Amino acid sequence: PHGAQARACGLITLRQRPSTASGTVFLTLEDETGHVNVVIWSRLFEKQRAAILSSRLLAVDGVLETDGDVHHLIAQRVFDFSELAKGLRSKSRDFC
């Protein structure tokens, strides 16, 4: 439900940082069950920039934001688990 604490983990399939978004980064994580859209405010981005920009497999702790059928995970902390995906051939589409 809206406002619930949540954790998501998956491969990063899309990474965006539009110039019109005031430093906000948008990620899409995907696993075998589907995908989740993640919003990373600029303050967290500056704290965890390396993990956000270089990881392939990421876990995100945050708060679920829902509006009808649209759901986003507002990130509070990220964890780079790329080491677990060694040997897996995957690449995100980056628009940073």
N, C-alpha and C. Protein backbone atom coordinates (compact mmCIF):
# COMPACT_ATOMS: atom_id res chain seq x y z
N PRO A 1 0.82 -1.22 0.00
CA PRO A 1 0.00 0.00 0.00
C PRO A 1 0.86 1.27 0.00
N HIS A 2 0.25 2.36 -0.37
CA HIS A 2 0.93 3.65 -0.40
C HIS A 2 1.55 3.96 0.96
N GLY A 3 2.81 4.37 0.96
CA GLY A 3 3.50 4.75 2.19
C GLY A 3 4.20 3.60 2.91
N ALA A 4 4.07 2.38 2.40
CA ALA A 4 4.68 1.22 3.06
C ALA A 4 6.19 1.18 2.79
N GLN A 5 6.94 0.72 3.78
CA GLN A 5 8.37 0.47 3.59
C GLN A 5 8.49 -0.75 2.68
N ALA A 6 9.45 -0.71 1.75
CA ALA A 6 9.61 -1.82 0.82
C ALA A 6 11.07 -1.96 0.42
N ARG A 7 11.41 -3.14 -0.05
CA ARG A 7 12.74 -3.41 -0.60
C ARG A 7 12.55 -4.11 -1.94
N ALA A 8 13.33 -3.68 -2.91
CA ALA A 8 13.32 -4.31 -4.23
C ALA A 8 14.75 -4.58 -4.64
N CYS A 9 14.94 -5.64 -5.40
CA CYS A 9 16.27 -5.97 -5.88
C CYS A 9 16.13 -6.50 -7.30
N GLY A 10 17.02 -6.08 -8.17
CA GLY A 10 16.98 -6.57 -9.53
C GLY A 10 18.10 -5.98 -10.37
N LEU A 11 18.12 -6.43 -11.62
CA LEU A 11 19.06 -5.87 -12.59
C LEU A 11 18.57 -4.50 -13.00
N ILE A 12 19.48 -3.57 -13.15
CA ILE A 12 19.10 -2.25 -13.65
C ILE A 12 18.96 -2.35 -15.16
N THR A 13 17.75 -2.09 -15.66
CA THR A 13 17.51 -2.14 -17.10
C THR A 13 17.44 -0.75 -17.72
N LEU A 14 17.20 0.27 -16.88
CA LEU A 14 17.11 1.63 -17.38
C LEU A 14 17.56 2.60 -16.30
N ARG A 15 18.34 3.58 -16.70
CA ARG A 15 18.86 4.59 -15.79
C ARG A 15 18.68 5.93 -16.48
N GLN A 16 17.94 6.87 -15.84
CA GLN A 16 17.70 8.17 -16.44
C GLN A 16 17.95 9.28 -15.43
N ARG A 17 18.48 10.38 -15.93
CA ARG A 17 18.66 11.59 -15.11
C ARG A 17 18.38 12.80 -16.00
N PRO A 18 17.07 13.06 -16.22
CA PRO A 18 16.71 14.16 -17.12
C PRO A 18 17.15 15.52 -16.58
N SER A 19 17.58 16.39 -17.46
CA SER A 19 18.04 17.71 -17.04
C SER A 19 16.90 18.53 -16.44
N THR A 20 15.67 18.20 -16.77
CA THR A 20 14.52 18.93 -16.25
C THR A 20 14.04 18.40 -14.89
N ALA A 21 14.70 17.38 -14.35
CA ALA A 21 14.24 16.75 -13.11
C ALA A 21 15.02 17.19 -11.87
N SER A 22 15.76 18.26 -11.95
CA SER A 22 16.49 18.83 -10.80
C SER A 22 17.38 17.82 -10.09
N GLY A 23 18.07 16.98 -10.86
CA GLY A 23 19.01 16.03 -10.26
C GLY A 23 18.40 14.70 -9.84
N THR A 24 17.12 14.53 -10.04
CA THR A 24 16.47 13.26 -9.71
C THR A 24 16.87 12.19 -10.72
N VAL A 25 17.13 10.98 -10.21
CA VAL A 25 17.48 9.85 -11.06
C VAL A 25 16.33 8.86 -11.02
N PHE A 26 16.00 8.30 -12.19
CA PHE A 26 14.96 7.28 -12.30
C PHE A 26 15.61 5.99 -12.78
N LEU A 27 15.33 4.91 -12.07
CA LEU A 27 15.85 3.58 -12.43
C LEU A 27 14.69 2.63 -12.64
N THR A 28 14.91 1.64 -13.48
CA THR A 28 13.99 0.51 -13.56
C THR A 28 14.78 -0.72 -13.18
N LEU A 29 14.30 -1.43 -12.16
CA LEU A 29 14.89 -2.69 -11.74
C LEU A 29 14.00 -3.81 -12.24
N GLU A 30 14.62 -4.90 -12.67
CA GLU A 30 13.84 -6.03 -13.17
C GLU A 30 14.38 -7.34 -12.60
N ASP A 31 13.45 -8.21 -12.23
CA ASP A 31 13.80 -9.57 -11.83
C ASP A 31 12.82 -10.52 -12.50
N GLU A 32 12.82 -11.78 -12.08
CA GLU A 32 11.98 -12.78 -12.74
C GLU A 32 10.49 -12.54 -12.54
N THR A 33 10.10 -11.68 -11.60
CA THR A 33 8.69 -11.43 -11.34
C THR A 33 8.16 -10.18 -12.04
N GLY A 34 9.05 -9.35 -12.55
CA GLY A 34 8.61 -8.12 -13.21
C GLY A 34 9.58 -6.99 -12.97
N HIS A 35 9.05 -5.78 -12.98
CA HIS A 35 9.93 -4.61 -12.82
C HIS A 35 9.35 -3.65 -11.79
N VAL A 36 10.23 -2.77 -11.30
CA VAL A 36 9.82 -1.71 -10.37
C VAL A 36 10.54 -0.43 -10.78
N ASN A 37 9.79 0.67 -10.73
CA ASN A 37 10.36 1.98 -11.03
C ASN A 37 10.84 2.60 -9.72
N VAL A 38 12.06 3.11 -9.74
CA VAL A 38 12.69 3.66 -8.54
C VAL A 38 12.99 5.14 -8.78
N VAL A 39 12.67 5.96 -7.79
CA VAL A 39 12.97 7.39 -7.83
C VAL A 39 14.06 7.65 -6.80
N ILE A 40 15.14 8.29 -7.25
CA ILE A 40 16.26 8.61 -6.36
C ILE A 40 16.43 10.12 -6.36
N TRP A 41 16.10 10.74 -5.23
CA TRP A 41 16.25 12.20 -5.12
C TRP A 41 17.73 12.56 -5.15
N SER A 42 18.01 13.79 -5.53
CA SER A 42 19.39 14.24 -5.73
C SER A 42 20.25 14.11 -4.48
N ARG A 43 19.68 14.28 -3.31
CA ARG A 43 20.45 14.18 -2.07
C ARG A 43 21.03 12.77 -1.88
N LEU A 44 20.21 11.75 -2.12
CA LEU A 44 20.69 10.36 -2.03
C LEU A 44 21.66 10.06 -3.17
N PHE A 45 21.38 10.59 -4.35
CA PHE A 45 22.26 10.37 -5.49
C PHE A 45 23.68 10.85 -5.17
N GLU A 46 23.79 12.01 -4.56
CA GLU A 46 25.11 12.53 -4.23
C GLU A 46 25.81 11.66 -3.19
N LYS A 47 25.07 11.09 -2.25
CA LYS A 47 25.66 10.22 -1.22
C LYS A 47 26.10 8.88 -1.78
N GLN A 48 25.34 8.33 -2.72
CA GLN A 48 25.61 6.97 -3.20
C GLN A 48 25.80 6.92 -4.72
N ARG A 49 26.37 7.98 -5.24
CA ARG A 49 26.57 8.16 -6.68
C ARG A 49 27.26 6.96 -7.35
N ALA A 50 28.35 6.50 -6.78
CA ALA A 50 29.12 5.41 -7.40
C ALA A 50 28.26 4.16 -7.57
N ALA A 51 27.57 3.76 -6.53
CA ALA A 51 26.73 2.56 -6.61
C ALA A 51 25.59 2.75 -7.60
N ILE A 52 24.99 3.91 -7.62
CA ILE A 52 23.85 4.17 -8.50
C ILE A 52 24.27 4.17 -9.96
N LEU A 53 25.43 4.73 -10.26
CA LEU A 53 25.86 4.83 -11.65
C LEU A 53 26.59 3.60 -12.19
N SER A 54 27.21 2.82 -11.31
CA SER A 54 28.04 1.73 -11.82
C SER A 54 27.47 0.33 -11.60
N SER A 55 26.48 0.19 -10.76
CA SER A 55 26.00 -1.16 -10.43
C SER A 55 25.14 -1.75 -11.55
N ARG A 56 25.10 -3.06 -11.57
CA ARG A 56 24.23 -3.79 -12.50
C ARG A 56 23.10 -4.48 -11.74
N LEU A 57 23.40 -4.91 -10.52
CA LEU A 57 22.42 -5.57 -9.67
C LEU A 57 22.30 -4.74 -8.40
N LEU A 58 21.12 -4.20 -8.15
CA LEU A 58 20.95 -3.22 -7.08
C LEU A 58 19.76 -3.60 -6.20
N ALA A 59 19.93 -3.42 -4.89
CA ALA A 59 18.82 -3.53 -3.95
C ALA A 59 18.50 -2.12 -3.47
N VAL A 60 17.23 -1.85 -3.32
CA VAL A 60 16.78 -0.51 -2.91
C VAL A 60 15.81 -0.63 -1.76
N ASP A 61 16.10 0.06 -0.67
CA ASP A 61 15.15 0.21 0.44
C ASP A 61 14.49 1.56 0.28
N GLY A 62 13.16 1.59 0.48
CA GLY A 62 12.48 2.86 0.34
C GLY A 62 11.03 2.79 0.74
N VAL A 63 10.27 3.76 0.26
CA VAL A 63 8.86 3.90 0.57
C VAL A 63 8.07 3.80 -0.72
N LEU A 64 7.03 3.00 -0.70
CA LEU A 64 6.19 2.80 -1.87
C LEU A 64 5.26 4.00 -2.05
N GLU A 65 5.21 4.49 -3.25
CA GLU A 65 4.30 5.59 -3.59
C GLU A 65 3.37 5.09 -4.68
N THR A 66 2.08 5.14 -4.43
CA THR A 66 1.11 4.65 -5.41
C THR A 66 0.10 5.73 -5.74
N ASP A 67 -0.29 5.74 -6.99
CA ASP A 67 -1.35 6.63 -7.47
C ASP A 67 -2.14 5.84 -8.51
N GLY A 68 -3.22 5.21 -8.06
CA GLY A 68 -3.98 4.34 -8.95
C GLY A 68 -3.16 3.11 -9.28
N ASP A 69 -2.93 2.90 -10.57
CA ASP A 69 -2.15 1.74 -11.01
C ASP A 69 -0.66 2.04 -11.18
N VAL A 70 -0.26 3.25 -10.84
CA VAL A 70 1.14 3.65 -10.98
C VAL A 70 1.83 3.51 -9.62
N HIS A 71 2.95 2.79 -9.59
CA HIS A 71 3.68 2.54 -8.36
C HIS A 71 5.14 2.92 -8.56
N HIS A 72 5.72 3.57 -7.56
CA HIS A 72 7.13 3.92 -7.56
C HIS A 72 7.71 3.60 -6.20
N LEU A 73 8.98 3.24 -6.19
CA LEU A 73 9.70 3.06 -4.95
C LEU A 73 10.60 4.28 -4.77
N ILE A 74 10.34 5.05 -3.72
CA ILE A 74 11.15 6.23 -3.44
C ILE A 74 12.34 5.76 -2.59
N ALA A 75 13.51 5.79 -3.18
CA ALA A 75 14.70 5.21 -2.55
C ALA A 75 15.14 5.99 -1.32
N GLN A 76 15.53 5.23 -0.29
CA GLN A 76 16.13 5.81 0.91
C GLN A 76 17.58 5.35 1.06
N ARG A 77 17.87 4.17 0.48
CA ARG A 77 19.23 3.63 0.53
C ARG A 77 19.36 2.58 -0.57
N VAL A 78 20.54 2.49 -1.16
CA VAL A 78 20.79 1.50 -2.20
C VAL A 78 21.98 0.63 -1.81
N PHE A 79 21.98 -0.60 -2.32
CA PHE A 79 23.05 -1.56 -2.04
C PHE A 79 23.46 -2.20 -3.36
N ASP A 80 24.74 -2.13 -3.67
CA ASP A 80 25.27 -2.69 -4.90
C ASP A 80 25.60 -4.17 -4.69
N PHE A 81 24.90 -5.04 -5.41
CA PHE A 81 25.15 -6.48 -5.36
C PHE A 81 25.67 -7.00 -6.70
N SER A 82 26.30 -6.14 -7.47
CA SER A 82 26.78 -6.51 -8.80
C SER A 82 27.72 -7.71 -8.78
N GLU A 83 28.45 -7.86 -7.69
CA GLU A 83 29.37 -8.99 -7.57
C GLU A 83 28.65 -10.33 -7.74
N LEU A 84 27.38 -10.38 -7.33
CA LEU A 84 26.59 -11.61 -7.44
C LEU A 84 26.18 -11.90 -8.88
N ALA A 85 26.28 -10.90 -9.74
CA ALA A 85 25.88 -11.07 -11.14
C ALA A 85 27.08 -11.24 -12.07
N LYS A 86 28.25 -11.52 -11.49
CA LYS A 86 29.44 -11.72 -12.31
C LYS A 86 29.17 -12.81 -13.33
N GLY A 87 29.59 -12.57 -14.55
CA GLY A 87 29.41 -13.54 -15.61
C GLY A 87 28.07 -13.43 -16.31
N LEU A 88 27.14 -12.68 -15.75
CA LEU A 88 25.84 -12.48 -16.38
C LEU A 88 25.97 -11.34 -17.37
N ARG A 89 25.54 -11.59 -18.58
CA ARG A 89 25.65 -10.56 -19.61
C ARG A 89 24.38 -9.72 -19.62
N SER A 90 24.48 -8.53 -19.04
CA SER A 90 23.34 -7.62 -19.05
C SER A 90 23.88 -6.20 -19.09
N LYS A 91 23.10 -5.32 -19.68
CA LYS A 91 23.53 -3.92 -19.76
C LYS A 91 22.29 -3.05 -19.69
N SER A 92 22.38 -2.01 -18.89
CA SER A 92 21.25 -1.08 -18.79
C SER A 92 21.31 -0.04 -19.90
N ARG A 93 20.16 0.51 -20.21
CA ARG A 93 20.10 1.65 -21.12
C ARG A 93 20.24 2.89 -20.23
N ASP A 94 21.33 3.60 -20.40
CA ASP A 94 21.62 4.75 -19.54
C ASP A 94 21.42 6.06 -20.29
N PHE A 95 20.70 6.95 -19.68
CA PHE A 95 20.47 8.28 -20.23
C PHE A 95 20.80 9.31 -19.17
N CYS A 96 22.01 9.24 -18.63
CA CYS A 96 22.42 10.13 -17.55
C CYS A 96 23.23 11.29 -18.11
